[in-house]
Protein backbone atom coordinates (compact mmCIF):
# COMPACT_ATOMS: atom_id res chain seq x y z
CA MET A 1 16.87 -1.68 12.90
CA LYS A 2 15.79 -2.93 9.64
CA LEU A 3 12.22 -2.38 8.62
CA GLY A 4 10.44 -3.46 5.40
CA ILE A 5 7.61 -1.18 4.25
CA ILE A 6 4.91 -2.16 1.47
CA SER A 7 1.33 -0.97 0.74
CA ASP A 8 -1.37 -1.78 -1.14
CA VAL A 9 -1.24 -5.32 -1.65
CA HIS A 10 -5.14 -5.16 -3.30
CA ALA A 11 -5.66 -9.14 -2.62
CA ASN A 12 -2.67 -10.06 -4.73
CA ILE A 13 -1.10 -12.97 -2.93
CA VAL A 14 1.21 -14.04 -5.51
CA ALA A 15 2.86 -10.40 -5.36
CA LEU A 16 2.71 -10.36 -1.46
CA GLU A 17 4.18 -14.02 -1.40
CA ALA A 18 7.11 -12.51 -3.62
CA VAL A 19 7.84 -9.45 -1.65
CA ILE A 20 7.64 -11.21 1.77
CA GLU A 21 10.23 -13.54 0.86
CA LYS A 22 12.67 -10.70 -0.60
CA LEU A 23 12.19 -8.69 2.63
CA GLU A 24 12.93 -11.75 4.95
CA SER A 25 15.65 -12.81 2.54
CA GLN A 26 17.12 -8.96 3.29
CA GLY A 27 17.19 -9.58 6.96
CA VAL A 28 14.27 -7.16 7.96
CA ASP A 29 13.24 -7.17 11.71
CA THR A 30 9.59 -5.90 11.01
CA ILE A 31 7.54 -5.64 8.16
CA ILE A 32 5.05 -2.55 8.34
CA CYS A 33 1.82 -2.46 5.72
CA LEU A 34 0.14 0.76 5.05
CA GLY A 35 -2.96 -0.81 4.17
CA ASP A 36 -5.31 -1.72 1.21
CA LEU A 37 -5.08 -5.70 1.87
CA ILE A 38 -7.61 -5.96 -0.27
CA GLY A 39 -9.81 -4.50 -3.32
CA TYR A 40 -9.02 -5.44 -7.19
CA GLY A 41 -7.45 -8.57 -6.47
CA PRO A 42 -8.67 -12.14 -6.37
CA ALA A 43 -7.41 -13.37 -3.14
CA PRO A 44 -8.35 -11.31 -0.20
CA ASN A 45 -8.75 -14.10 2.32
CA GLU A 46 -5.14 -15.34 1.80
CA VAL A 47 -3.39 -12.41 1.69
CA ILE A 48 -5.11 -11.30 4.96
CA GLU A 49 -4.25 -15.05 6.31
CA LEU A 50 -0.52 -14.52 5.37
CA ILE A 51 -0.29 -10.75 6.75
CA ARG A 52 -1.44 -12.41 9.93
CA LYS A 53 0.66 -15.12 10.19
CA LYS A 54 3.77 -13.05 9.52
CA HIS A 55 2.80 -10.75 12.09
CA VAL A 56 2.96 -7.61 9.98
CA MET A 57 2.29 -4.21 11.38
CA CYS A 58 -0.56 -2.90 9.65
CA THR A 59 -2.95 0.05 9.29
CA LEU A 60 -6.40 0.16 7.70
CA GLY A 61 -6.71 1.20 3.84
CA SER A 62 -9.35 3.03 2.27
CA SER A 63 -10.37 -0.36 0.17
CA ASP A 64 -10.24 -1.94 4.13
CA GLU A 65 -12.42 0.42 5.23
CA ARG A 66 -15.11 -0.02 2.20
CA VAL A 67 -15.48 -3.52 3.43
CA ALA A 68 -15.20 -3.68 7.32
CA PHE A 69 -17.51 -0.93 7.82
CA ASP A 70 -20.59 -0.69 5.42
CA PHE A 71 -21.55 2.75 6.26
CA VAL A 72 -18.04 3.91 4.81
CA GLY A 73 -18.33 5.04 0.97
CA ALA A 74 -21.75 6.32 0.75
CA ARG A 75 -20.62 7.85 -2.44
CA ARG A 76 -20.12 4.91 -4.61
CA ARG A 77 -17.31 4.81 -7.15
CA ARG A 78 -17.20 4.07 -10.63
CA GLY A 79 -16.80 0.37 -12.27
CA VAL A 80 -13.98 -1.71 -11.19
CA ALA A 81 -13.31 -0.52 -7.59
CA ASP A 82 -17.63 -0.97 -6.99
CA LYS A 83 -17.25 -4.56 -8.74
CA THR A 84 -14.29 -5.89 -6.66
CA ILE A 85 -15.38 -4.32 -3.37
CA GLU A 86 -19.02 -5.68 -3.74
CA TRP A 87 -17.40 -9.24 -5.11
CA THR A 88 -15.03 -8.99 -1.87
CA HIS A 89 -18.00 -8.54 0.29
CA THR A 90 -19.11 -11.98 -0.74
CA VAL A 91 -16.09 -13.96 0.05
CA ILE A 92 -14.44 -12.55 2.96
CA GLU A 93 -14.34 -14.62 6.00
CA LYS A 94 -15.65 -13.72 9.46
CA ALA A 95 -12.30 -13.77 11.18
CA ASN A 96 -10.67 -11.78 8.29
CA LEU A 97 -13.31 -9.21 8.04
CA ASN A 98 -12.78 -8.60 12.16
CA PHE A 99 -9.21 -8.16 11.55
CA LEU A 100 -9.63 -5.60 9.36
CA ARG A 101 -11.96 -4.04 11.41
CA SER A 102 -9.15 -4.53 14.03
CA LEU A 103 -6.62 -2.25 12.32
CA PRO A 104 -5.83 1.17 13.16
CA VAL A 105 -5.93 4.24 10.96
CA GLN A 106 -2.48 5.10 11.93
CA ALA A 107 0.47 3.90 13.99
CA ARG A 108 3.77 5.11 15.44
CA LEU A 109 6.90 3.08 15.80
CA ARG A 110 9.91 4.41 17.68
CA THR A 111 13.37 4.01 15.78
CA PRO A 112 16.98 4.66 16.99
CA ALA A 113 16.64 7.89 14.68
CA GLY A 114 13.48 9.09 16.14
CA ARG A 115 9.84 8.12 15.39
CA LEU A 116 8.43 6.83 12.55
CA ARG A 117 4.69 7.54 11.75
CA TYR A 118 2.93 5.57 9.21
CA PHE A 119 -0.93 5.47 7.75
CA HIS A 120 -2.31 4.67 4.33
CA SER A 121 -3.22 8.20 3.13
CA GLY A 122 -4.49 10.43 5.70
CA ILE A 123 -3.86 10.65 9.50
CA THR A 124 -7.74 10.70 10.76
CA SER A 125 -9.09 8.64 7.94
CA PRO A 126 -7.50 6.05 5.51
CA SER A 127 -10.27 7.52 2.52
CA GLU A 128 -8.36 11.20 3.20
CA THR A 129 -5.41 12.09 1.02
CA LEU A 130 -2.97 13.93 2.80
CA ASN A 131 -1.25 16.79 0.78
CA ILE A 132 2.61 16.06 0.56
CA GLY A 133 3.32 18.89 -1.67
CA GLU A 134 6.16 19.34 -4.24
CA THR A 135 8.52 21.91 -2.56
CA PRO A 136 11.26 21.11 0.03
CA ALA A 137 9.47 23.25 2.45
CA GLU A 138 6.12 21.69 1.85
CA HIS A 139 7.82 18.25 3.20
CA MET A 140 9.18 19.97 6.28
CA LYS A 141 5.95 20.93 7.00
CA VAL A 142 4.20 17.89 6.42
CA LEU A 143 6.76 16.14 8.73
CA GLU A 144 6.46 18.79 11.39
CA GLU A 145 2.62 18.67 11.11
CA CYS A 146 2.90 14.58 11.64
CA ARG A 147 5.43 15.54 14.57
CA CYS A 148 7.88 12.43 13.59
CA ASP A 149 11.14 11.93 12.11
CA ILE A 150 10.38 9.23 9.21
CA LEU A 151 6.66 9.52 7.85
CA ALA A 152 5.40 6.39 5.63
CA ILE A 153 2.25 6.75 3.53
CA GLY A 154 0.72 4.73 0.68
CA LYS A 155 -2.19 5.02 -1.86
CA SER A 156 -0.56 6.74 -4.87
CA HIS A 157 0.68 3.14 -6.05
CA VAL A 158 3.64 5.13 -7.32
CA PRO A 159 7.12 4.74 -5.27
CA PHE A 160 8.21 7.77 -3.92
CA ILE A 161 11.33 8.68 -1.44
CA LYS A 162 12.37 12.26 -0.05
CA GLU A 163 15.37 13.03 2.38
CA LEU A 164 14.98 16.12 4.08
CA LYS A 165 17.31 17.72 6.89
CA VAL A 166 14.78 16.86 9.52
CA GLY A 167 13.69 13.67 8.03
CA TRP A 168 12.12 11.33 5.50
CA ILE A 169 8.91 10.79 3.86
CA ILE A 170 8.54 7.56 2.18
CA ASN A 171 5.96 5.96 -0.14
CA PRO A 172 6.89 2.28 -1.01
CA GLY A 173 4.59 2.06 -4.06
CA SER A 174 2.06 -1.13 -4.43
CA VAL A 175 2.90 -4.61 -3.67
CA GLY A 176 -0.24 -5.62 -6.08
CA LEU A 177 -1.04 -2.79 -8.41
CA THR A 178 1.98 -0.74 -8.87
CA LEU A 179 1.23 2.12 -11.49
CA ASN A 180 4.87 3.63 -11.79
CA GLY A 181 5.02 1.93 -15.46
CA GLU A 182 6.94 -0.94 -14.42
CA PRO A 183 5.11 -4.47 -13.43
CA GLY A 184 6.35 -6.20 -9.87
CA ALA A 185 5.64 -5.79 -6.46
CA ASP A 186 7.06 -2.34 -4.90
CA TYR A 187 8.82 -2.12 -1.58
CA ALA A 188 11.03 -0.21 0.67
CA ILE A 189 14.09 -1.37 2.96
CA VAL A 190 14.66 1.27 6.09
CA ASP A 191 17.87 0.68 8.09
CA VAL A 192 17.94 2.65 10.94
CA THR A 193 20.56 3.51 13.18
CA LYS A 194 21.04 6.23 15.76
CA ASN A 195 23.19 8.28 13.36
CA ASN A 196 21.81 7.33 9.91
CA VAL A 197 18.77 6.15 7.93
CA ASP A 198 19.48 4.47 4.74
CA VAL A 199 16.29 3.96 2.29
CA LYS A 200 16.35 1.67 -0.66
CA MET A 201 13.34 1.22 -2.95
CA GLY A 202 12.88 -2.27 -4.95
CA LYS A 203 10.52 -4.11 -7.03
CA VAL A 204 10.23 -8.12 -7.31
CA GLU A 205 8.97 -9.90 -10.28
CA TYR A 206 6.30 -12.44 -9.83
CA ASP A 207 3.92 -14.81 -11.88
CA TYR A 208 1.58 -12.10 -13.28
CA ASN A 209 -0.04 -14.75 -15.23
CA SER A 210 -1.25 -16.71 -12.41
CA VAL A 211 -2.64 -13.63 -10.78
CA ASN A 212 -4.58 -13.05 -14.02
CA PHE A 213 -5.89 -16.64 -14.28
CA GLU A 214 -7.36 -16.29 -10.80
CA ILE A 215 -9.03 -12.45 -11.96
CA VAL A 216 -10.79 -14.37 -14.93
CA ALA A 217 -11.90 -17.54 -13.21
CA TRP A 218 -13.63 -15.32 -10.48
CA ASP A 219 -15.39 -12.78 -13.20
CA LEU A 220 -13.52 -9.85 -12.05
CA PRO A 221 -12.99 -7.05 -14.42
CA GLU A 222 -10.34 -8.08 -17.13
CA MET A 223 -8.40 -4.63 -17.00
CA ILE A 224 -6.74 -5.40 -13.45
CA GLY A 225 -5.14 -8.43 -14.71
CA GLU A 226 -3.91 -6.08 -17.93
CA ALA A 227 -2.76 -3.33 -15.30
CA ILE A 228 -0.79 -5.75 -13.31
CA GLN A 229 1.31 -6.59 -16.49
CA LEU A 230 1.49 -3.46 -17.28
CA GLY A 231 2.49 -1.73 -14.62
CA ARG A 232 0.06 0.84 -15.22
CA MET A 233 -3.91 1.35 -16.07
CA PRO A 234 -4.62 0.45 -19.54
CA ARG A 235 -4.98 3.77 -21.44
CA ASN A 236 -8.16 3.50 -22.66
CA VAL A 237 -9.61 2.76 -18.98
CA GLN A 238 -7.50 5.17 -17.00
CA LYS A 239 -10.41 7.33 -16.14
CA GLY A 240 -12.57 4.60 -14.99
CA ILE A 241 -10.36 4.58 -11.56
CA ASP A 242 -11.05 7.00 -9.42
CA ASP A 243 -10.14 5.52 -5.84
CA VAL A 244 -6.12 5.43 -6.68
CA LYS A 245 -5.39 9.07 -6.20
CA ILE A 246 -1.75 10.23 -7.60
CA GLN A 247 -0.20 12.58 -5.25
CA LYS A 248 1.50 15.35 -6.47
CA ILE A 249 5.05 14.31 -5.11
CA GLY A 250 6.69 13.35 -8.49
CA ALA A 251 8.65 10.18 -9.31
CA ALA A 252 10.65 8.27 -6.88
CA SER A 253 13.67 10.23 -5.82
CA SER A 254 16.13 10.90 -3.27
């Protein structure tokens, strides 16, 4: 079984097209998305339609939740997150809104090496943040609590991989708004057999300028385009983003 795992597309259709093309060229059997299809980027409808067309297995993200369910997010977030979510409300099509409302918070998949569990950031709510911890003992405890052999989780926008004696914890990073300091669309490929799990992390380049053009055309915050091109939030506005929470799990490692 060969799985492609992605997360945090954030309405960036150019990045999504590039990463799906890459995963398909690598012969993946199934693509799993850990949520946040929308928010920040200029193409929410196009992203959802491609996810549906490609039959990507998907869970609900925190940005998805804010658009899909009006009662969620009573505590308003600052600046950029608010503006893009409010704009998304005005353009999202009903069929795509209904698709978001149909997404599960978390899901499981049986693999030859055991159970894979995946969700955006919390077991019961995509707006929660699971405390991964920093030590092997904490990592093992998370796997035990989640009752799985492989855990895939998103939201941090920073790729992370940890191999343990009892399993794996994988964060593929972000397709549409990576924050690890290198621009591109992040992904993970998990090749699973009965006796082995092989995880490879990757990043695909795409046309950042075309995305930035659409951001400007829709009068969305220009800093989003800057962040896409830099692979990080511009230093003078980093504190203006409070819905991207970097989990204390370090950089990508094995």
